[in-house]
Amino acid sequence: MFEWLRQRAGVAYERLLEREISGAPTHVAVIQDGNRRYATQRGGDAHDGYHAGARTTERVLDWCKEMGVEELTLYAFSTENFDRPKDQREVLFDLLEDKLYEFADDDRVHDGGVCIRAIGDVDRLPGRVREAIDYAERRTADYDEFTLNVALAYGGRNELLGAAREVARAVEDGDLDIEDVDVAEIEDRIYDRPVRDVDLIIRTGGDERTSNFLPWHANGNEAAVFFCTPYWPEFSKVDFLRAVRTYESREESWRRTRAERALALVRALGGAELAEARAIIERFRGTLPEDPSVEELEVESDGTSVE
């Protein structure tokens, strides 16, 4: 009886969250933590935890598609994972190989136009995993409705270091002028194909850290971060919806801050700057807290109001 009530309450809460959410982030990145702890808690081994986590990954793909997310990045194997015991690494490599082939041949992937690609130092991976990556990328290369990035042999610091070294060599060889080094130049040297800025990072398993994950695309975009205690195999749709709600709350706060700054600019400036400031106010109108000064503020420099 108690379990039935718990399930009913969970379904009701899920529906409530769905009604509360008005949009979705474009790019979600997930740190899938807790597979081994999940297995240990249930008397199993790492193999059981990783396979249970793989099933969660499939569900999250479906939820992303339902919500309108356009890009998902999964932190599947970090550079630090190479330090794990060989038997644990082999279990992960087996699973990665199997899932890459499985996803590449899945009708849902092809029907949904999902482009699969690996990011990271994949040359460090065993040949059989690299062959699976090549197969998945070739099979889905022409799709553009949804992008699934699988971070393998990935480390954010190494990623940025490699891009910096490439830029330095190009400048030294005379192929690149130092004045031409900009954001686009760095991004071109991080990945062969562009990755969208990250809007939301989700980490399961209880740890509150982002573990060197996508620093250029997440930190530079001030991505929202959602930490939750369930292990990855336990991650539910309610958890996912709560994460999206966190993103929406952060976006609303960001828009409010921008609007308040624009209002301060209108109060402080006049003349040539007024038109630009007024345009910003109009863009963010409705996100400000109720403030009569928004409607009544007059700029003495030309005698016109904000309206």
Protein backbone atom coordinates (compact mmCIF):
# COMPACT_ATOMS: atom_id res chain seq x y z
CA MET A 1 0.00 0.00 0.00
CA PHE A 2 2.76 2.43 0.97
CA GLU A 3 4.68 1.69 -2.25
CA TRP A 4 1.54 2.32 -4.33
CA LEU A 5 1.01 5.68 -2.63
CA ARG A 6 4.66 6.59 -3.13
CA GLN A 7 4.44 5.82 -6.83
CA ARG A 8 1.23 7.82 -7.22
CA ALA A 9 2.80 10.78 -5.43
CA GLY A 10 5.84 10.53 -7.72
CA VAL A 11 3.67 10.59 -10.84
CA ALA A 12 1.74 13.59 -9.54
CA TYR A 13 4.94 15.48 -8.74
CA GLU A 14 6.35 14.68 -12.19
CA ARG A 15 3.24 16.14 -13.83
CA LEU A 16 3.44 19.23 -11.64
CA LEU A 17 7.04 19.82 -12.66
CA GLU A 18 6.19 19.37 -16.33
CA ARG A 19 3.50 22.07 -16.02
CA GLU A 20 5.89 24.44 -14.24
CA ILE A 21 8.57 24.21 -16.95
CA SER A 22 8.07 26.50 -19.92
CA GLY A 23 11.23 25.74 -21.90
CA ALA A 24 14.39 23.68 -21.95
CA PRO A 25 18.14 24.21 -22.15
CA THR A 26 19.70 23.73 -25.56
CA HIS A 27 22.75 21.79 -24.36
CA VAL A 28 22.75 19.54 -21.28
CA ALA A 29 25.94 17.92 -19.98
CA VAL A 30 25.81 15.03 -17.51
CA ILE A 31 28.38 13.63 -15.07
CA GLN A 32 27.10 10.08 -14.54
CA ASP A 33 28.40 9.38 -11.05
CA GLY A 34 27.58 6.56 -8.66
CA ASN A 35 27.41 3.42 -10.81
CA ARG A 36 29.85 1.44 -8.67
CA ARG A 37 28.38 2.64 -5.38
CA TYR A 38 24.93 1.68 -6.63
CA ALA A 39 26.15 -1.84 -7.37
CA THR A 40 27.99 -2.19 -4.06
CA GLN A 41 24.90 -1.05 -2.15
CA ARG A 42 22.99 -3.91 -3.77
CA GLY A 43 25.68 -6.55 -3.31
CA GLY A 44 26.75 -6.57 -6.94
CA ASP A 45 29.96 -5.67 -8.73
CA ALA A 46 31.00 -2.77 -10.95
CA HIS A 47 29.73 -4.58 -14.04
CA ASP A 48 26.17 -4.52 -12.67
CA GLY A 49 26.35 -0.84 -11.85
CA TYR A 50 27.65 0.19 -15.27
CA HIS A 51 24.94 -1.77 -17.08
CA ALA A 52 22.23 -0.29 -14.85
CA GLY A 53 23.67 3.16 -15.60
CA ALA A 54 23.55 2.46 -19.34
CA ARG A 55 19.80 1.92 -19.08
CA THR A 56 19.45 5.30 -17.39
CA THR A 57 21.40 6.87 -20.25
CA GLU A 58 18.85 5.54 -22.73
CA ARG A 59 16.00 7.04 -20.70
CA VAL A 60 17.72 10.42 -20.45
CA LEU A 61 18.09 10.50 -24.22
CA ASP A 62 14.33 10.05 -24.52
CA TRP A 63 13.63 12.77 -21.93
CA CYS A 64 15.91 15.21 -23.72
CA LYS A 65 14.11 14.63 -26.99
CA GLU A 66 10.72 15.08 -25.29
CA MET A 67 11.80 18.38 -23.69
CA GLY A 68 13.33 19.86 -26.82
CA VAL A 69 16.98 19.66 -25.75
CA GLU A 70 19.15 19.74 -28.87
CA GLU A 71 22.51 18.51 -27.55
CA LEU A 72 23.51 16.10 -24.79
CA THR A 73 27.07 15.43 -23.61
CA LEU A 74 27.78 12.42 -21.39
CA TYR A 75 30.94 12.18 -19.30
CA ALA A 76 31.53 8.49 -20.00
CA PHE A 77 35.26 8.02 -19.37
CA SER A 78 37.66 10.61 -17.99
CA THR A 79 41.44 10.72 -18.24
CA GLU A 80 41.50 9.92 -14.50
CA ASN A 81 39.65 6.65 -15.20
CA PHE A 82 42.84 5.25 -16.73
CA ASP A 83 44.14 5.03 -13.15
CA ARG A 84 41.47 2.48 -12.19
CA PRO A 85 42.35 -1.21 -11.88
CA LYS A 86 42.61 -3.01 -15.22
CA ASP A 87 39.57 -5.20 -14.63
CA GLN A 88 37.38 -2.13 -14.01
CA ARG A 89 38.72 -0.42 -17.13
CA GLU A 90 38.02 -3.49 -19.24
CA VAL A 91 34.43 -3.65 -18.00
CA LEU A 92 33.97 -0.03 -19.04
CA PHE A 93 35.62 -0.57 -22.40
CA ASP A 94 33.39 -3.58 -23.06
CA LEU A 95 30.29 -1.59 -22.22
CA LEU A 96 31.34 1.44 -24.27
CA GLU A 97 32.08 -0.76 -27.28
CA ASP A 98 28.75 -2.58 -27.03
CA LYS A 99 26.69 0.58 -26.50
CA LEU A 100 28.31 2.52 -29.33
CA TYR A 101 27.47 -0.25 -31.79
CA GLU A 102 24.01 -0.63 -30.28
CA PHE A 103 23.21 3.08 -30.49
CA ALA A 104 24.61 3.30 -34.02
CA ASP A 105 22.18 0.61 -35.19
CA ASP A 106 19.19 1.68 -33.09
CA ASP A 107 16.13 2.67 -35.13
CA ARG A 108 15.32 5.39 -32.57
CA VAL A 109 18.67 7.03 -33.30
CA HIS A 110 18.05 7.05 -37.03
CA ASP A 111 14.38 8.02 -36.78
CA GLY A 112 15.32 10.88 -34.43
CA GLY A 113 18.22 12.14 -36.54
CA VAL A 114 20.75 11.72 -33.71
CA CYS A 115 24.36 12.52 -34.56
CA ILE A 116 26.77 10.55 -32.33
CA ARG A 117 30.32 11.77 -31.84
CA ALA A 118 33.15 11.29 -29.38
CA ILE A 119 35.09 14.12 -27.77
CA GLY A 120 38.34 13.69 -25.89
CA ASP A 121 41.74 12.09 -26.42
CA VAL A 122 40.27 9.00 -28.09
CA ASP A 123 43.68 7.86 -29.37
CA ARG A 124 44.39 6.66 -25.83
CA LEU A 125 41.49 4.20 -25.96
CA PRO A 126 41.85 0.54 -27.01
CA GLY A 127 41.56 -0.15 -30.73
CA ARG A 128 38.24 -1.97 -30.37
CA VAL A 129 36.66 1.08 -28.71
CA ARG A 130 38.06 3.40 -31.38
CA GLU A 131 36.58 1.15 -34.07
CA ALA A 132 33.18 1.36 -32.36
CA ILE A 133 33.49 5.16 -32.23
CA ASP A 134 34.32 5.31 -35.95
CA TYR A 135 31.34 3.08 -36.74
CA ALA A 136 28.88 5.17 -34.70
CA GLU A 137 30.15 8.45 -36.10
CA ARG A 138 30.03 7.22 -39.71
CA ARG A 139 26.52 5.81 -39.32
CA THR A 140 25.11 9.07 -37.92
CA ALA A 141 27.34 11.71 -39.53
CA ASP A 142 24.60 13.19 -41.72
CA TYR A 143 22.07 13.75 -38.93
CA ASP A 144 21.52 17.17 -37.37
CA GLU A 145 18.28 17.01 -35.37
CA PHE A 146 19.98 16.02 -32.11
CA THR A 147 23.63 15.72 -31.09
CA LEU A 148 24.94 13.14 -28.62
CA ASN A 149 28.51 13.81 -27.51
CA VAL A 150 30.24 11.00 -25.64
CA ALA A 151 33.21 12.31 -23.65
CA LEU A 152 35.85 9.56 -23.73
CA ALA A 153 39.40 9.81 -22.39
CA TYR A 154 38.29 13.33 -21.62
CA GLY A 155 39.90 15.97 -19.41
CA GLY A 156 38.95 19.63 -19.65
CA ARG A 157 42.35 20.93 -18.61
CA ASN A 158 44.13 18.78 -21.18
CA GLU A 159 41.66 19.96 -23.79
CA LEU A 160 42.48 23.63 -23.18
CA LEU A 161 46.19 22.92 -22.92
CA GLY A 162 46.17 21.19 -26.29
CA ALA A 163 44.37 24.13 -27.92
CA ALA A 164 46.83 26.61 -26.38
CA ARG A 165 49.79 24.61 -27.69
CA GLU A 166 48.32 24.51 -31.19
CA VAL A 167 47.80 28.27 -31.18
CA ALA A 168 51.34 28.87 -29.90
CA ARG A 169 52.80 26.67 -32.65
CA ALA A 170 50.72 28.42 -35.33
CA VAL A 171 51.90 31.85 -34.13
CA GLU A 172 55.52 30.68 -33.95
CA ASP A 173 55.35 29.25 -37.49
CA GLY A 174 53.87 32.46 -38.82
CA ASP A 175 50.56 30.82 -39.79
CA LEU A 176 48.57 32.88 -37.28
CA ASP A 177 48.87 36.48 -36.15
CA ILE A 178 48.65 36.95 -32.39
CA GLU A 179 46.00 39.65 -32.93
CA ASP A 180 43.77 37.09 -34.66
CA VAL A 181 43.60 34.78 -31.64
CA ASP A 182 39.97 35.00 -30.50
CA VAL A 183 37.23 32.79 -29.10
CA ALA A 184 36.45 31.24 -32.48
CA GLU A 185 40.13 30.39 -33.04
CA ILE A 186 40.33 28.54 -29.72
CA GLU A 187 37.07 26.68 -30.33
CA ASP A 188 38.23 25.56 -33.76
CA ARG A 189 41.26 23.97 -32.13
CA ILE A 190 39.35 22.26 -29.31
CA TYR A 191 37.08 20.15 -31.52
CA ASP A 192 36.90 19.24 -35.20
CA ARG A 193 33.19 20.03 -35.09
CA PRO A 194 31.52 22.77 -33.03
CA VAL A 195 30.01 22.09 -29.61
CA ARG A 196 27.31 24.40 -28.33
CA ASP A 197 27.85 26.32 -25.11
CA VAL A 198 26.59 24.29 -22.16
CA ASP A 199 23.41 25.57 -20.51
CA LEU A 200 23.03 22.98 -17.76
CA ILE A 201 25.38 20.53 -16.03
CA ILE A 202 23.85 17.66 -14.06
CA ARG A 203 25.87 15.58 -11.61
CA THR A 204 24.45 12.57 -9.82
CA GLY A 205 25.84 10.65 -6.85
CA GLY A 206 25.99 13.40 -4.22
CA ASP A 207 29.33 15.09 -5.00
CA GLU A 208 29.12 18.83 -5.64
CA ARG A 209 31.91 19.42 -8.15
CA THR A 210 32.11 19.55 -11.94
CA SER A 211 35.30 17.47 -12.24
CA ASN A 212 37.09 19.33 -15.00
CA PHE A 213 34.12 18.85 -17.35
CA LEU A 214 33.75 21.13 -20.40
CA PRO A 215 35.36 24.18 -18.76
CA TRP A 216 35.43 26.24 -21.95
CA HIS A 217 31.81 25.64 -22.92
CA ALA A 218 30.29 25.57 -19.42
CA ASN A 219 32.22 28.09 -17.35
CA GLY A 220 32.42 30.57 -20.20
CA ASN A 221 28.64 30.40 -20.56
CA GLU A 222 28.00 30.48 -16.79
CA ALA A 223 26.03 27.26 -17.07
CA ALA A 224 23.50 26.33 -14.42
CA VAL A 225 24.57 23.34 -12.28
CA PHE A 226 22.30 20.77 -10.67
CA PHE A 227 23.75 18.37 -8.08
CA CYS A 228 21.59 15.52 -6.82
CA THR A 229 22.09 12.59 -4.46
CA PRO A 230 20.66 9.62 -6.46
CA TYR A 231 23.28 7.41 -8.05
CA TRP A 232 23.19 7.47 -11.84
CA PRO A 233 21.20 4.21 -12.18
CA GLU A 234 18.57 5.73 -9.83
CA PHE A 235 18.31 9.06 -11.68
CA SER A 236 14.63 9.58 -12.48
CA LYS A 237 12.58 11.81 -14.72
CA VAL A 238 11.61 13.84 -11.65
CA ASP A 239 15.32 14.48 -11.03
CA PHE A 240 15.75 15.50 -14.66
CA LEU A 241 12.78 17.89 -14.51
CA ARG A 242 14.10 19.42 -11.29
CA ALA A 243 17.40 20.02 -13.06
CA VAL A 244 15.64 21.78 -15.93
CA ARG A 245 13.68 23.87 -13.43
CA THR A 246 17.00 24.90 -11.84
CA TYR A 247 18.18 26.03 -15.26
CA GLU A 248 15.01 28.07 -15.81
CA SER A 249 15.35 29.73 -12.40
CA ARG A 250 18.94 30.67 -13.15
CA GLU A 251 17.96 32.10 -16.54
CA GLU A 252 15.20 34.17 -14.96
CA SER A 253 17.65 35.51 -12.36
CA TRP A 254 20.16 36.35 -15.09
CA ARG A 255 17.55 38.24 -17.14
CA ARG A 256 16.44 40.14 -14.04
CA THR A 257 20.03 41.18 -13.33
CA ARG A 258 20.52 42.36 -16.90
CA ALA A 259 17.29 44.37 -16.76
CA GLU A 260 18.22 45.98 -13.45
CA ARG A 261 21.62 46.96 -14.85
CA ALA A 262 19.94 48.47 -17.90
CA LEU A 263 17.61 50.45 -15.67
CA ALA A 264 20.60 51.79 -13.74
CA LEU A 265 22.17 52.76 -17.05
CA VAL A 266 19.07 54.71 -18.07
CA ARG A 267 19.12 56.55 -14.75
CA ALA A 268 22.81 57.36 -15.03
CA LEU A 269 23.21 58.27 -18.69
CA GLY A 270 21.64 60.48 -21.29
CA GLY A 271 22.28 61.64 -24.80
CA ALA A 272 23.66 59.15 -27.29
CA GLU A 273 23.63 56.28 -24.81
CA LEU A 274 19.95 56.68 -24.01
CA ALA A 275 18.56 54.90 -27.08
CA GLU A 276 20.71 51.83 -26.46
CA ALA A 277 19.83 51.70 -22.77
CA ARG A 278 16.14 52.15 -23.53
CA ALA A 279 16.30 49.29 -26.05
CA ILE A 280 17.76 46.99 -23.38
CA ILE A 281 15.00 47.96 -20.96
CA GLU A 282 12.35 47.13 -23.56
CA ARG A 283 13.99 43.81 -24.33
CA PHE A 284 13.88 42.71 -20.72
CA ARG A 285 10.62 44.40 -19.73
CA GLY A 286 8.58 42.02 -17.61
CA THR A 287 11.60 40.48 -15.91
CA LEU A 288 12.11 43.41 -13.54
CA PRO A 289 10.58 43.45 -10.09
CA GLU A 290 7.61 45.81 -9.85
CA ASP A 291 9.13 49.25 -9.68
CA PRO A 292 7.18 52.43 -10.51
CA SER A 293 10.42 54.02 -11.63
CA VAL A 294 10.48 51.76 -14.68
CA GLU A 295 7.31 53.44 -15.91
CA GLU A 296 7.84 56.93 -14.50
CA LEU A 297 11.55 57.48 -14.96
CA GLU A 298 12.26 60.58 -17.08
CA VAL A 299 15.63 61.37 -18.58
CA GLU A 300 16.34 65.05 -18.20
CA SER A 301 18.77 65.16 -21.10
CA ASP A 302 16.00 65.09 -23.73
CA GLY A 303 12.83 65.23 -21.67
CA THR A 304 11.51 61.87 -22.86
CA SER A 305 10.40 59.02 -20.66
CA VAL A 306 11.41 55.39 -20.80
CA GLU A 307 8.03 54.51 -22.31
